[in-house]
């Protein structure tokens, strides 16, 4: 098992990536092939990992379509080629999301029976984690795409969350089957008539209540919700921390409050699985946030390993609907 790791991806690259390698040296997960600029070759090798040179780097603000055409020798471009040629089992990158999607779609291609791939993320809920798909790969899904999102999300939930018969729901503006546009109404009927454990529509205020294990939506809506939730959690956490610090300054306050706050923080920790996964392409591609911490990147590598061990691409290929 060998995972390809982009040394040049994150906002602070390669600082957090090198810290991730240091963590993995202490707690090995799998074999890694690290792709990066020559400046960092000795550091990577000294940490005990294989290294491959990349002449170029795709910046965070580069236009994805241009990067895909012009930067095939970038760390990201090389990783995708290695995955395509089956030299590695999966890749992990915290780089330019649009470029990751572009390279993956063009170079790896979609699983034959699929019309669209979908970017899936894990969402913390009151009862654990749910999968949301799509959050940015496809803003105009057809009814059949919603079905395939439900199917791929279910396979992912079974593998990663160990969920048996995951509950699938469509994100909509109401719970009734007639809510939403014609495509969502048709998707509702397709999922209802399928073998998936479809529970109907859920609304935005139900996402984090844990009613569904798999939440399907179009990429535009999913991306807005992703960015909103990240900002909301950061803001609420800052406000809560300020309140707790005030209480903690009182006598015995820290002993009463801090354990509860730390437990709450753990439940809503986005780093638990490290990143999203592009489902529906011919390869395992884990997409991490640009400001991912070393721990988040480490967990993303764990996620890549799990998906490779369970042959998630083959499982999807067996079950998708054209």
C-alpha atoms as a PDB file:
ATOM      1  CA  UNK A   1       0.000   0.000   0.000  1.00  0.00           C
ATOM      2  CA  UNK A   2       1.562   3.281  -1.120  1.00  0.00           C
ATOM      3  CA  UNK A   3      -0.066   6.718  -0.821  1.00  0.00           C
ATOM      4  CA  UNK A   4       1.103   9.726  -2.830  1.00  0.00           C
ATOM      5  CA  UNK A   5       1.443  12.888  -0.737  1.00  0.00           C
ATOM      6  CA  UNK A   6       1.626  16.431  -2.116  1.00  0.00           C
ATOM      7  CA  UNK A   7       4.342  18.303  -0.212  1.00  0.00           C
ATOM      8  CA  UNK A   8       3.521  21.595  -1.937  1.00  0.00           C
ATOM      9  CA  UNK A   9      -0.242  21.762  -1.489  1.00  0.00           C
ATOM     10  CA  UNK A  10      -1.348  23.673   1.605  1.00  0.00           C
ATOM     11  CA  UNK A  11      -1.454  27.406   2.320  1.00  0.00           C
ATOM     12  CA  UNK A  12       1.721  27.088   4.410  1.00  0.00           C
ATOM     13  CA  UNK A  13       3.431  24.414   2.277  1.00  0.00           C
ATOM     14  CA  UNK A  14       5.688  22.696   2.944  1.00  0.00           C
ATOM     15  CA  UNK A  15       5.694  23.594   6.661  1.00  0.00           C
ATOM     16  CA  UNK A  16       2.594  21.636   7.708  1.00  0.00           C
ATOM     17  CA  UNK A  17       3.340  18.819   5.286  1.00  0.00           C
ATOM     18  CA  UNK A  18       6.806  18.306   6.818  1.00  0.00           C
ATOM     19  CA  UNK A  19       5.268  18.345  10.297  1.00  0.00           C
ATOM     20  CA  UNK A  20       2.840  15.689   9.061  1.00  0.00           C
ATOM     21  CA  UNK A  21       5.754  13.529   7.933  1.00  0.00           C
ATOM     22  CA  UNK A  22       7.306  13.930  11.381  1.00  0.00           C
ATOM     23  CA  UNK A  23       4.070  12.658  12.943  1.00  0.00           C
ATOM     24  CA  UNK A  24       4.013   9.715  10.549  1.00  0.00           C
ATOM     25  CA  UNK A  25       7.603   8.859  11.370  1.00  0.00           C
ATOM     26  CA  UNK A  26       6.532   8.406  15.000  1.00  0.00           C
ATOM     27  CA  UNK A  27       3.323   6.567  14.067  1.00  0.00           C
ATOM     28  CA  UNK A  28       3.645   4.924  10.623  1.00  0.00           C
ATOM     29  CA  UNK A  29       0.418   4.332   8.689  1.00  0.00           C
ATOM     30  CA  UNK A  30       1.555   3.128   5.279  1.00  0.00           C
ATOM     31  CA  UNK A  31       4.266   3.659   2.685  1.00  0.00           C
ATOM     32  CA  UNK A  32       4.356   7.213   1.350  1.00  0.00           C
ATOM     33  CA  UNK A  33       5.698   8.686  -1.856  1.00  0.00           C
ATOM     34  CA  UNK A  34       6.213  12.403  -1.298  1.00  0.00           C
ATOM     35  CA  UNK A  35       6.213  14.772  -4.288  1.00  0.00           C
ATOM     36  CA  UNK A  36       7.807  18.205  -3.954  1.00  0.00           C
ATOM     37  CA  UNK A  37      10.457  20.696  -4.956  1.00  0.00           C
ATOM     38  CA  UNK A  38      14.148  19.811  -4.832  1.00  0.00           C
ATOM     39  CA  UNK A  39      14.756  22.208  -1.919  1.00  0.00           C
ATOM     40  CA  UNK A  40      13.081  19.772   0.461  1.00  0.00           C
ATOM     41  CA  UNK A  41      14.364  16.434  -0.825  1.00  0.00           C
ATOM     42  CA  UNK A  42      16.899  15.892   1.951  1.00  0.00           C
ATOM     43  CA  UNK A  43      14.407  16.773   4.699  1.00  0.00           C
ATOM     44  CA  UNK A  44      11.918  14.239   3.379  1.00  0.00           C
ATOM     45  CA  UNK A  45      14.532  11.511   2.943  1.00  0.00           C
ATOM     46  CA  UNK A  46      15.954  12.198   6.410  1.00  0.00           C
ATOM     47  CA  UNK A  47      12.472  11.588   7.808  1.00  0.00           C
ATOM     48  CA  UNK A  48      12.502   8.184   6.108  1.00  0.00           C
ATOM     49  CA  UNK A  49      10.159   8.696   3.138  1.00  0.00           C
ATOM     50  CA  UNK A  50      10.544   8.182  -0.600  1.00  0.00           C
ATOM     51  CA  UNK A  51      10.771  11.397  -2.602  1.00  0.00           C
ATOM     52  CA  UNK A  52       9.985  12.353  -6.197  1.00  0.00           C
ATOM     53  CA  UNK A  53      11.020  15.686  -7.673  1.00  0.00           C
ATOM     54  CA  UNK A  54       8.446  18.133  -9.073  1.00  0.00           C
ATOM     55  CA  UNK A  55       9.645  21.061 -11.175  1.00  0.00           C
ATOM     56  CA  UNK A  56       6.470  23.098 -10.721  1.00  0.00           C
ATOM     57  CA  UNK A  57       3.830  23.944  -8.125  1.00  0.00           C
ATOM     58  CA  UNK A  58       0.158  24.818  -8.697  1.00  0.00           C
ATOM     59  CA  UNK A  59      -0.623  27.928  -6.660  1.00  0.00           C
ATOM     60  CA  UNK A  60      -3.849  28.386  -4.714  1.00  0.00           C
ATOM     61  CA  UNK A  61      -5.020  31.266  -6.907  1.00  0.00           C
ATOM     62  CA  UNK A  62      -4.147  29.811 -10.292  1.00  0.00           C
ATOM     63  CA  UNK A  63      -6.927  29.175 -12.808  1.00  0.00           C
ATOM     64  CA  UNK A  64      -7.549  25.395 -12.680  1.00  0.00           C
ATOM     65  CA  UNK A  65      -8.033  24.936 -16.442  1.00  0.00           C
ATOM     66  CA  UNK A  66      -4.732  26.704 -17.134  1.00  0.00           C
ATOM     67  CA  UNK A  67      -2.882  24.724 -14.473  1.00  0.00           C
ATOM     68  CA  UNK A  68      -4.129  21.420 -15.878  1.00  0.00           C
ATOM     69  CA  UNK A  69      -2.870  22.333 -19.365  1.00  0.00           C
ATOM     70  CA  UNK A  70       0.402  23.969 -18.448  1.00  0.00           C
ATOM     71  CA  UNK A  71       1.623  22.359 -15.210  1.00  0.00           C
ATOM     72  CA  UNK A  72       1.686  18.626 -15.801  1.00  0.00           C
ATOM     73  CA  UNK A  73       5.121  18.535 -14.121  1.00  0.00           C
ATOM     74  CA  UNK A  74       3.754  20.061 -10.925  1.00  0.00           C
ATOM     75  CA  UNK A  75       3.561  18.016  -7.722  1.00  0.00           C
ATOM     76  CA  UNK A  76      -0.173  17.607  -8.316  1.00  0.00           C
ATOM     77  CA  UNK A  77       0.189  16.674 -11.981  1.00  0.00           C
ATOM     78  CA  UNK A  78       2.825  14.048 -11.186  1.00  0.00           C
ATOM     79  CA  UNK A  79       0.708  12.546  -8.408  1.00  0.00           C
ATOM     80  CA  UNK A  80      -2.252  12.156 -10.750  1.00  0.00           C
ATOM     81  CA  UNK A  81      -0.099  10.474 -13.407  1.00  0.00           C
ATOM     82  CA  UNK A  82       1.336   8.058 -10.842  1.00  0.00           C
ATOM     83  CA  UNK A  83      -2.183   7.205  -9.684  1.00  0.00           C
ATOM     84  CA  UNK A  84      -3.381   6.783 -13.268  1.00  0.00           C
ATOM     85  CA  UNK A  85      -0.506   4.382 -13.983  1.00  0.00           C
ATOM     86  CA  UNK A  86      -1.206   2.476 -10.742  1.00  0.00           C
ATOM     87  CA  UNK A  87       2.198   3.247  -9.252  1.00  0.00           C
ATOM     88  CA  UNK A  88       0.421   4.416  -6.089  1.00  0.00           C
ATOM     89  CA  UNK A  89      -2.921   3.470  -4.523  1.00  0.00           C
ATOM     90  CA  UNK A  90      -4.270   6.934  -3.657  1.00  0.00           C
ATOM     91  CA  UNK A  91      -3.248  10.568  -3.400  1.00  0.00           C
ATOM     92  CA  UNK A  92      -3.623  13.224  -0.699  1.00  0.00           C
ATOM     93  CA  UNK A  93      -3.308  16.954  -1.435  1.00  0.00           C
ATOM     94  CA  UNK A  94      -4.259  20.197   0.303  1.00  0.00           C
ATOM     95  CA  UNK A  95      -3.686  22.130  -2.895  1.00  0.00           C
ATOM     96  CA  UNK A  96      -5.874  24.137  -5.270  1.00  0.00           C
ATOM     97  CA  UNK A  97      -9.207  22.290  -5.164  1.00  0.00           C
ATOM     98  CA  UNK A  98     -10.229  23.294  -8.674  1.00  0.00           C
ATOM     99  CA  UNK A  99      -6.923  22.041 -10.058  1.00  0.00           C
ATOM    100  CA  UNK A 100      -7.236  18.759  -8.151  1.00  0.00           C
ATOM    101  CA  UNK A 101     -10.705  18.243  -9.612  1.00  0.00           C
ATOM    102  CA  UNK A 102      -9.544  19.263 -13.090  1.00  0.00           C
ATOM    103  CA  UNK A 103      -6.509  16.966 -13.146  1.00  0.00           C
ATOM    104  CA  UNK A 104      -8.612  14.107 -11.768  1.00  0.00           C
ATOM    105  CA  UNK A 105     -11.467  14.482 -14.250  1.00  0.00           C
ATOM    106  CA  UNK A 106      -9.215  14.853 -17.298  1.00  0.00           C
ATOM    107  CA  UNK A 107      -6.346  12.500 -16.497  1.00  0.00           C
ATOM    108  CA  UNK A 108      -8.070   9.796 -14.439  1.00  0.00           C
ATOM    109  CA  UNK A 109     -11.495  10.054 -16.039  1.00  0.00           C
ATOM    110  CA  UNK A 110     -14.844   9.033 -14.597  1.00  0.00           C
ATOM    111  CA  UNK A 111     -15.931   5.506 -13.850  1.00  0.00           C
ATOM    112  CA  UNK A 112     -17.455   4.404 -17.143  1.00  0.00           C
ATOM    113  CA  UNK A 113     -21.102   4.197 -16.090  1.00  0.00           C
ATOM    114  CA  UNK A 114     -21.090   7.610 -14.399  1.00  0.00           C
ATOM    115  CA  UNK A 115     -21.946  10.931 -15.999  1.00  0.00           C
ATOM    116  CA  UNK A 116     -20.623  13.025 -13.096  1.00  0.00           C
ATOM    117  CA  UNK A 117     -18.258  12.628 -10.161  1.00  0.00           C
ATOM    118  CA  UNK A 118     -19.013  14.144  -6.759  1.00  0.00           C
ATOM    119  CA  UNK A 119     -16.890  15.613  -3.986  1.00  0.00           C
ATOM    120  CA  UNK A 120     -17.880  14.120  -0.633  1.00  0.00           C
ATOM    121  CA  UNK A 121     -17.043  15.467   2.821  1.00  0.00           C
ATOM    122  CA  UNK A 122     -17.680  14.298   6.364  1.00  0.00           C
ATOM    123  CA  UNK A 123     -20.034  16.506   8.382  1.00  0.00           C
ATOM    124  CA  UNK A 124     -20.019  16.437  12.204  1.00  0.00           C
ATOM    125  CA  UNK A 125     -23.483  15.861  13.673  1.00  0.00           C
ATOM    126  CA  UNK A 126     -25.085  15.401  17.070  1.00  0.00           C
ATOM    127  CA  UNK A 127     -24.751  11.621  16.705  1.00  0.00           C
ATOM    128  CA  UNK A 128     -21.410  11.252  14.919  1.00  0.00           C
ATOM    129  CA  UNK A 129     -20.658  12.019  11.267  1.00  0.00           C
ATOM    130  CA  UNK A 130     -22.599  12.122   8.019  1.00  0.00           C
ATOM    131  CA  UNK A 131     -21.447  12.228   4.389  1.00  0.00           C
ATOM    132  CA  UNK A 132     -22.459  15.169   2.196  1.00  0.00           C
ATOM    133  CA  UNK A 133     -22.091  14.855  -1.562  1.00  0.00           C
ATOM    134  CA  UNK A 134     -21.648  16.946  -3.736  1.00  0.00           C
ATOM    135  CA  UNK A 135     -19.845  20.026  -2.369  1.00  0.00           C
ATOM    136  CA  UNK A 136     -18.364  21.509  -5.512  1.00  0.00           C
ATOM    137  CA  UNK A 137     -17.669  19.130  -8.384  1.00  0.00           C
ATOM    138  CA  UNK A 138     -21.020  19.370 -10.199  1.00  0.00           C
ATOM    139  CA  UNK A 139     -23.406  22.318  -9.946  1.00  0.00           C
ATOM    140  CA  UNK A 140     -25.978  20.963 -12.438  1.00  0.00           C
ATOM    141  CA  UNK A 141     -26.671  17.320 -11.494  1.00  0.00           C
ATOM    142  CA  UNK A 142     -29.326  15.274 -13.245  1.00  0.00           C
ATOM    143  CA  UNK A 143     -31.782  13.046 -11.386  1.00  0.00           C
ATOM    144  CA  UNK A 144     -29.579   9.996 -12.032  1.00  0.00           C
ATOM    145  CA  UNK A 145     -26.607  11.860 -10.542  1.00  0.00           C
ATOM    146  CA  UNK A 146     -28.515  12.254  -7.276  1.00  0.00           C
ATOM    147  CA  UNK A 147     -29.056   8.495  -7.238  1.00  0.00           C
ATOM    148  CA  UNK A 148     -25.378   7.814  -7.887  1.00  0.00           C
ATOM    149  CA  UNK A 149     -24.396  10.311  -5.198  1.00  0.00           C
ATOM    150  CA  UNK A 150     -26.595   8.411  -2.769  1.00  0.00           C
ATOM    151  CA  UNK A 151     -25.047   5.130  -3.863  1.00  0.00           C
ATOM    152  CA  UNK A 152     -21.434   6.345  -3.679  1.00  0.00           C
ATOM    153  CA  UNK A 153     -22.069   8.103  -0.377  1.00  0.00           C
ATOM    154  CA  UNK A 154     -23.557   4.908   1.041  1.00  0.00           C
ATOM    155  CA  UNK A 155     -20.507   2.885   0.029  1.00  0.00           C
ATOM    156  CA  UNK A 156     -18.258   5.523   1.597  1.00  0.00           C
ATOM    157  CA  UNK A 157     -20.315   5.522   4.829  1.00  0.00           C
ATOM    158  CA  UNK A 158     -20.160   1.722   5.021  1.00  0.00           C
ATOM    159  CA  UNK A 159     -16.371   1.720   4.582  1.00  0.00           C
ATOM    160  CA  UNK A 160     -15.391   4.710   6.709  1.00  0.00           C
ATOM    161  CA  UNK A 161     -18.138   4.951   9.331  1.00  0.00           C
ATOM    162  CA  UNK A 162     -18.876   1.199   9.422  1.00  0.00           C
ATOM    163  CA  UNK A 163     -22.544   2.094   8.922  1.00  0.00           C
ATOM    164  CA  UNK A 164     -24.823  -0.783   7.994  1.00  0.00           C
ATOM    165  CA  UNK A 165     -27.535   0.193   5.496  1.00  0.00           C
ATOM    166  CA  UNK A 166     -26.819   3.971   5.669  1.00  0.00           C
ATOM    167  CA  UNK A 167     -29.775   6.345   5.635  1.00  0.00           C
ATOM    168  CA  UNK A 168     -29.836   8.510   2.487  1.00  0.00           C
ATOM    169  CA  UNK A 169     -31.628  11.852   2.171  1.00  0.00           C
ATOM    170  CA  UNK A 170     -31.921  14.661  -0.381  1.00  0.00           C
ATOM    171  CA  UNK A 171     -31.214  18.182   0.857  1.00  0.00           C
ATOM    172  CA  UNK A 172     -34.273  20.192  -0.103  1.00  0.00           C
ATOM    173  CA  UNK A 173     -36.458  23.151   0.883  1.00  0.00           C
ATOM    174  CA  UNK A 174     -39.086  20.921   2.461  1.00  0.00           C
ATOM    175  CA  UNK A 175     -39.658  17.331   3.520  1.00  0.00           C
ATOM    176  CA  UNK A 176     -42.531  16.614   1.107  1.00  0.00           C
ATOM    177  CA  UNK A 177     -41.809  14.647  -2.068  1.00  0.00           C
ATOM    178  CA  UNK A 178     -43.178  17.475  -4.256  1.00  0.00           C
ATOM    179  CA  UNK A 179     -40.749  20.062  -2.900  1.00  0.00           C
ATOM    180  CA  UNK A 180     -37.935  21.455  -5.012  1.00  0.00           C
ATOM    181  CA  UNK A 181     -37.534  21.602  -8.766  1.00  0.00           C
ATOM    182  CA  UNK A 182     -38.399  18.898 -11.299  1.00  0.00           C
ATOM    183  CA  UNK A 183     -34.947  17.308 -11.104  1.00  0.00           C
ATOM    184  CA  UNK A 184     -35.109  16.911  -7.321  1.00  0.00           C
ATOM    185  CA  UNK A 185     -38.631  15.528  -7.529  1.00  0.00           C
ATOM    186  CA  UNK A 186     -37.484  12.958 -10.087  1.00  0.00           C
ATOM    187  CA  UNK A 187     -34.430  12.172  -7.940  1.00  0.00           C
ATOM    188  CA  UNK A 188     -36.772  11.597  -4.992  1.00  0.00           C
ATOM    189  CA  UNK A 189     -38.729   8.993  -6.965  1.00  0.00           C
ATOM    190  CA  UNK A 190     -35.561   7.302  -8.250  1.00  0.00           C
ATOM    191  CA  UNK A 191     -34.145   6.966  -4.753  1.00  0.00           C
ATOM    192  CA  UNK A 192     -37.485   5.875  -3.303  1.00  0.00           C
ATOM    193  CA  UNK A 193     -37.685   3.039  -5.849  1.00  0.00           C
ATOM    194  CA  UNK A 194     -34.057   1.977  -5.339  1.00  0.00           C
ATOM    195  CA  UNK A 195     -32.522  -0.525  -2.934  1.00  0.00           C
ATOM    196  CA  UNK A 196     -30.870   2.261  -0.949  1.00  0.00           C
ATOM    197  CA  UNK A 197     -32.170   3.134   2.517  1.00  0.00           C
ATOM    198  CA  UNK A 198     -33.796   6.358   1.328  1.00  0.00           C
ATOM    199  CA  UNK A 199     -35.547   8.339   4.087  1.00  0.00           C
ATOM    200  CA  UNK A 200     -36.778  11.262   1.965  1.00  0.00           C
ATOM    201  CA  UNK A 201     -35.948  14.970   1.977  1.00  0.00           C
ATOM    202  CA  UNK A 202     -34.314  16.863   4.815  1.00  0.00           C
ATOM    203  CA  UNK A 203     -33.981  20.617   5.245  1.00  0.00           C
ATOM    204  CA  UNK A 204     -30.899  22.642   6.068  1.00  0.00           C
ATOM    205  CA  UNK A 205     -31.693  22.811   9.779  1.00  0.00           C
ATOM    206  CA  UNK A 206     -31.632  18.998   9.932  1.00  0.00           C
ATOM    207  CA  UNK A 207     -28.126  18.501   8.519  1.00  0.00           C
ATOM    208  CA  UNK A 208     -26.286  18.479  11.840  1.00  0.00           C
ATOM    209  CA  UNK A 209     -28.989  16.612  13.766  1.00  0.00           C
ATOM    210  CA  UNK A 210     -27.784  13.287  12.399  1.00  0.00           C
ATOM    211  CA  UNK A 211     -31.076  12.204  10.805  1.00  0.00           C
ATOM    212  CA  UNK A 212     -29.273  10.981   7.665  1.00  0.00           C
ATOM    213  CA  UNK A 213     -25.947   9.219   7.128  1.00  0.00           C
ATOM    214  CA  UNK A 214     -25.697  10.396   3.506  1.00  0.00           C
ATOM    215  CA  UNK A 215     -26.936  13.807   2.339  1.00  0.00           C
ATOM    216  CA  UNK A 216     -27.084  14.418  -1.416  1.00  0.00           C
ATOM    217  CA  UNK A 217     -27.264  17.841  -3.043  1.00  0.00           C
ATOM    218  CA  UNK A 218     -25.974  19.825  -6.002  1.00  0.00           C
ATOM    219  CA  UNK A 219     -22.412  21.108  -5.875  1.00  0.00           C
ATOM    220  CA  UNK A 220     -23.348  24.788  -5.628  1.00  0.00           C
ATOM    221  CA  UNK A 221     -25.600  24.297  -2.601  1.00  0.00           C
ATOM    222  CA  UNK A 222     -23.172  21.886  -0.985  1.00  0.00           C
ATOM    223  CA  UNK A 223     -20.235  24.262  -1.373  1.00  0.00           C
ATOM    224  CA  UNK A 224     -22.169  27.188   0.122  1.00  0.00           C
ATOM    225  CA  UNK A 225     -23.167  25.034   3.099  1.00  0.00           C
ATOM    226  CA  UNK A 226     -19.579  23.827   3.521  1.00  0.00           C
ATOM    227  CA  UNK A 227     -18.153  27.357   3.611  1.00  0.00           C
ATOM    228  CA  UNK A 228     -20.965  28.645   5.837  1.00  0.00           C
ATOM    229  CA  UNK A 229     -20.558  25.822   8.353  1.00  0.00           C
ATOM    230  CA  UNK A 230     -16.785  26.307   8.513  1.00  0.00           C
ATOM    231  CA  UNK A 231     -17.230  29.997   9.241  1.00  0.00           C
ATOM    232  CA  UNK A 232     -20.054  29.394  11.701  1.00  0.00           C
ATOM    233  CA  UNK A 233     -18.129  26.777  13.685  1.00  0.00           C
ATOM    234  CA  UNK A 234     -15.015  28.972  13.812  1.00  0.00           C
ATOM    235  CA  UNK A 235     -17.024  31.973  15.007  1.00  0.00           C
ATOM    236  CA  UNK A 236     -19.046  30.049  17.569  1.00  0.00           C
ATOM    237  CA  UNK A 237     -15.917  28.354  18.854  1.00  0.00           C
ATOM    238  CA  UNK A 238     -14.186  31.721  19.324  1.00  0.00           C
ATOM    239  CA  UNK A 239     -17.224  33.116  21.173  1.00  0.00           C
ATOM    240  CA  UNK A 240     -17.504  30.012  23.336  1.00  0.00           C
ATOM    241  CA  UNK A 241     -13.793  30.086  24.165  1.00  0.00           C
ATOM    242  CA  UNK A 242     -14.023  33.705  25.272  1.00  0.00           C
ATOM    243  CA  UNK A 243     -16.985  32.868  27.516  1.00  0.00           C
ATOM    244  CA  UNK A 244     -15.260  29.819  28.968  1.00  0.00           C
ATOM    245  CA  UNK A 245     -12.082  31.782  29.667  1.00  0.00           C
ATOM    246  CA  UNK A 246     -14.139  34.293  31.635  1.00  0.00           C
ATOM    247  CA  UNK A 247     -15.747  31.506  33.686  1.00  0.00           C
ATOM    248  CA  UNK A 248     -12.423  29.712  34.134  1.00  0.00           C
ATOM    249  CA  UNK A 249     -10.946  32.763  35.826  1.00  0.00           C
ATOM    250  CA  UNK A 250     -13.429  32.286  38.631  1.00  0.00           C
ATOM    251  CA  UNK A 251     -12.677  29.900  41.449  1.00  0.00           C
ATOM    252  CA  UNK A 252     -12.946  26.266  40.291  1.00  0.00           C
ATOM    253  CA  UNK A 253     -14.442  27.439  36.974  1.00  0.00           C
ATOM    254  CA  UNK A 254     -11.858  25.716  34.810  1.00  0.00           C
ATOM    255  CA  UNK A 255     -12.502  22.374  36.504  1.00  0.00           C
ATOM    256  CA  UNK A 256     -16.235  22.641  35.894  1.00  0.00           C
ATOM    257  CA  UNK A 257     -16.301  24.005  32.358  1.00  0.00           C
ATOM    258  CA  UNK A 258     -13.197  23.015  30.434  1.00  0.00           C
ATOM    259  CA  UNK A 259     -13.865  19.238  30.269  1.00  0.00           C
ATOM    260  CA  UNK A 260     -17.297  19.856  28.753  1.00  0.00           C
ATOM    261  CA  UNK A 261     -15.884  22.324  26.239  1.00  0.00           C
ATOM    262  CA  UNK A 262     -13.095  19.973  25.163  1.00  0.00           C
ATOM    263  CA  UNK A 263     -15.652  17.200  24.670  1.00  0.00           C
ATOM    264  CA  UNK A 264     -17.776  19.494  22.494  1.00  0.00           C
ATOM    265  CA  UNK A 265     -14.732  20.509  20.474  1.00  0.00           C
ATOM    266  CA  UNK A 266     -13.886  16.848  19.820  1.00  0.00           C
ATOM    267  CA  UNK A 267     -17.396  16.151  18.527  1.00  0.00           C
ATOM    268  CA  UNK A 268     -17.194  18.957  15.974  1.00  0.00           C
ATOM    269  CA  UNK A 269     -13.595  18.387  14.950  1.00  0.00           C
ATOM    270  CA  UNK A 270     -13.336  18.626  11.159  1.00  0.00           C
ATOM    271  CA  UNK A 271      -9.884  17.032  11.371  1.00  0.00           C
ATOM    272  CA  UNK A 272     -11.270  13.614  12.321  1.00  0.00           C
ATOM    273  CA  UNK A 273     -11.198  12.406   8.709  1.00  0.00           C
ATOM    274  CA  UNK A 274      -8.849  15.038   7.330  1.00  0.00           C
ATOM    275  CA  UNK A 275     -10.416  15.797   3.965  1.00  0.00           C
ATOM    276  CA  UNK A 276     -13.019  15.128   1.317  1.00  0.00           C
ATOM    277  CA  UNK A 277     -12.902  12.436  -1.343  1.00  0.00           C
ATOM    278  CA  UNK A 278     -13.660  12.772  -5.037  1.00  0.00           C
ATOM    279  CA  UNK A 279     -16.030   9.860  -5.684  1.00  0.00           C
ATOM    280  CA  UNK A 280     -16.692   8.596  -9.184  1.00  0.00           C
ATOM    281  CA  UNK A 281     -13.261   8.968 -10.770  1.00  0.00           C
ATOM    282  CA  UNK A 282     -10.879   6.130 -11.595  1.00  0.00           C
ATOM    283  CA  UNK A 283      -8.718   6.565  -8.546  1.00  0.00           C
ATOM    284  CA  UNK A 284      -8.767   7.574  -4.877  1.00  0.00           C
ATOM    285  CA  UNK A 285      -8.253  11.324  -4.551  1.00  0.00           C
ATOM    286  CA  UNK A 286      -8.394  12.910  -1.097  1.00  0.00           C
ATOM    287  CA  UNK A 287      -8.842  16.699  -1.119  1.00  0.00           C
ATOM    288  CA  UNK A 288      -7.800  18.562   2.031  1.00  0.00           C
ATOM    289  CA  UNK A 289      -8.480  22.114   3.146  1.00  0.00           C
ATOM    290  CA  UNK A 290      -5.725  24.582   2.336  1.00  0.00           C
ATOM    291  CA  UNK A 291      -5.211  25.442   6.014  1.00  0.00           C
ATOM    292  CA  UNK A 292      -5.198  21.817   7.168  1.00  0.00           C
ATOM    293  CA  UNK A 293      -3.136  21.137  10.274  1.00  0.00           C
ATOM    294  CA  UNK A 294      -0.538  18.351  10.375  1.00  0.00           C
ATOM    295  CA  UNK A 295      -3.017  16.199  12.311  1.00  0.00           C
ATOM    296  CA  UNK A 296      -5.695  16.752   9.651  1.00  0.00           C
ATOM    297  CA  UNK A 297      -3.268  15.770   6.890  1.00  0.00           C
ATOM    298  CA  UNK A 298      -2.261  12.680   8.838  1.00  0.00           C
ATOM    299  CA  UNK A 299      -5.907  11.677   9.184  1.00  0.00           C
ATOM    300  CA  UNK A 300      -6.446  12.292   5.464  1.00  0.00           C
ATOM    301  CA  UNK A 301      -3.708   9.752   4.754  1.00  0.00           C
ATOM    302  CA  UNK A 302      -5.497   7.309   7.073  1.00  0.00           C
ATOM    303  CA  UNK A 303      -8.690   7.936   5.098  1.00  0.00           C
ATOM    304  CA  UNK A 304      -6.884   7.298   1.807  1.00  0.00           C
ATOM    305  CA  UNK A 305      -5.505   4.034   3.140  1.00  0.00           C
ATOM    306  CA  UNK A 306      -8.947   2.842   4.316  1.00  0.00           C
ATOM    307  CA  UNK A 307     -10.557   3.631   0.962  1.00  0.00           C
ATOM    308  CA  UNK A 308      -7.756   1.817  -0.885  1.00  0.00           C
ATOM    309  CA  UNK A 309      -7.918  -1.231   1.389  1.00  0.00           C
ATOM    310  CA  UNK A 310     -11.645  -1.589   0.754  1.00  0.00           C
ATOM    311  CA  UNK A 311     -11.292  -0.974  -3.007  1.00  0.00           C
ATOM    312  CA  UNK A 312     -13.877   1.797  -2.964  1.00  0.00           C
ATOM    313  CA  UNK A 313     -13.475   2.508  -6.698  1.00  0.00           C
ATOM    314  CA  UNK A 314     -14.231  -1.122  -7.583  1.00  0.00           C
ATOM    315  CA  UNK A 315     -17.216  -1.152  -5.221  1.00  0.00           C
ATOM    316  CA  UNK A 316     -18.645   1.945  -6.903  1.00  0.00           C
ATOM    317  CA  UNK A 317     -17.957   0.552 -10.374  1.00  0.00           C
ATOM    318  CA  UNK A 318     -19.988  -2.569  -9.590  1.00  0.00           C
ATOM    319  CA  UNK A 319     -23.080  -0.684  -8.464  1.00  0.00           C
ATOM    320  CA  UNK A 320     -23.448   2.604 -10.348  1.00  0.00           C
ATOM    321  CA  UNK A 321     -26.421   3.248 -12.599  1.00  0.00           C
ATOM    322  CA  UNK A 322     -26.051   4.737 -16.072  1.00  0.00           C
END
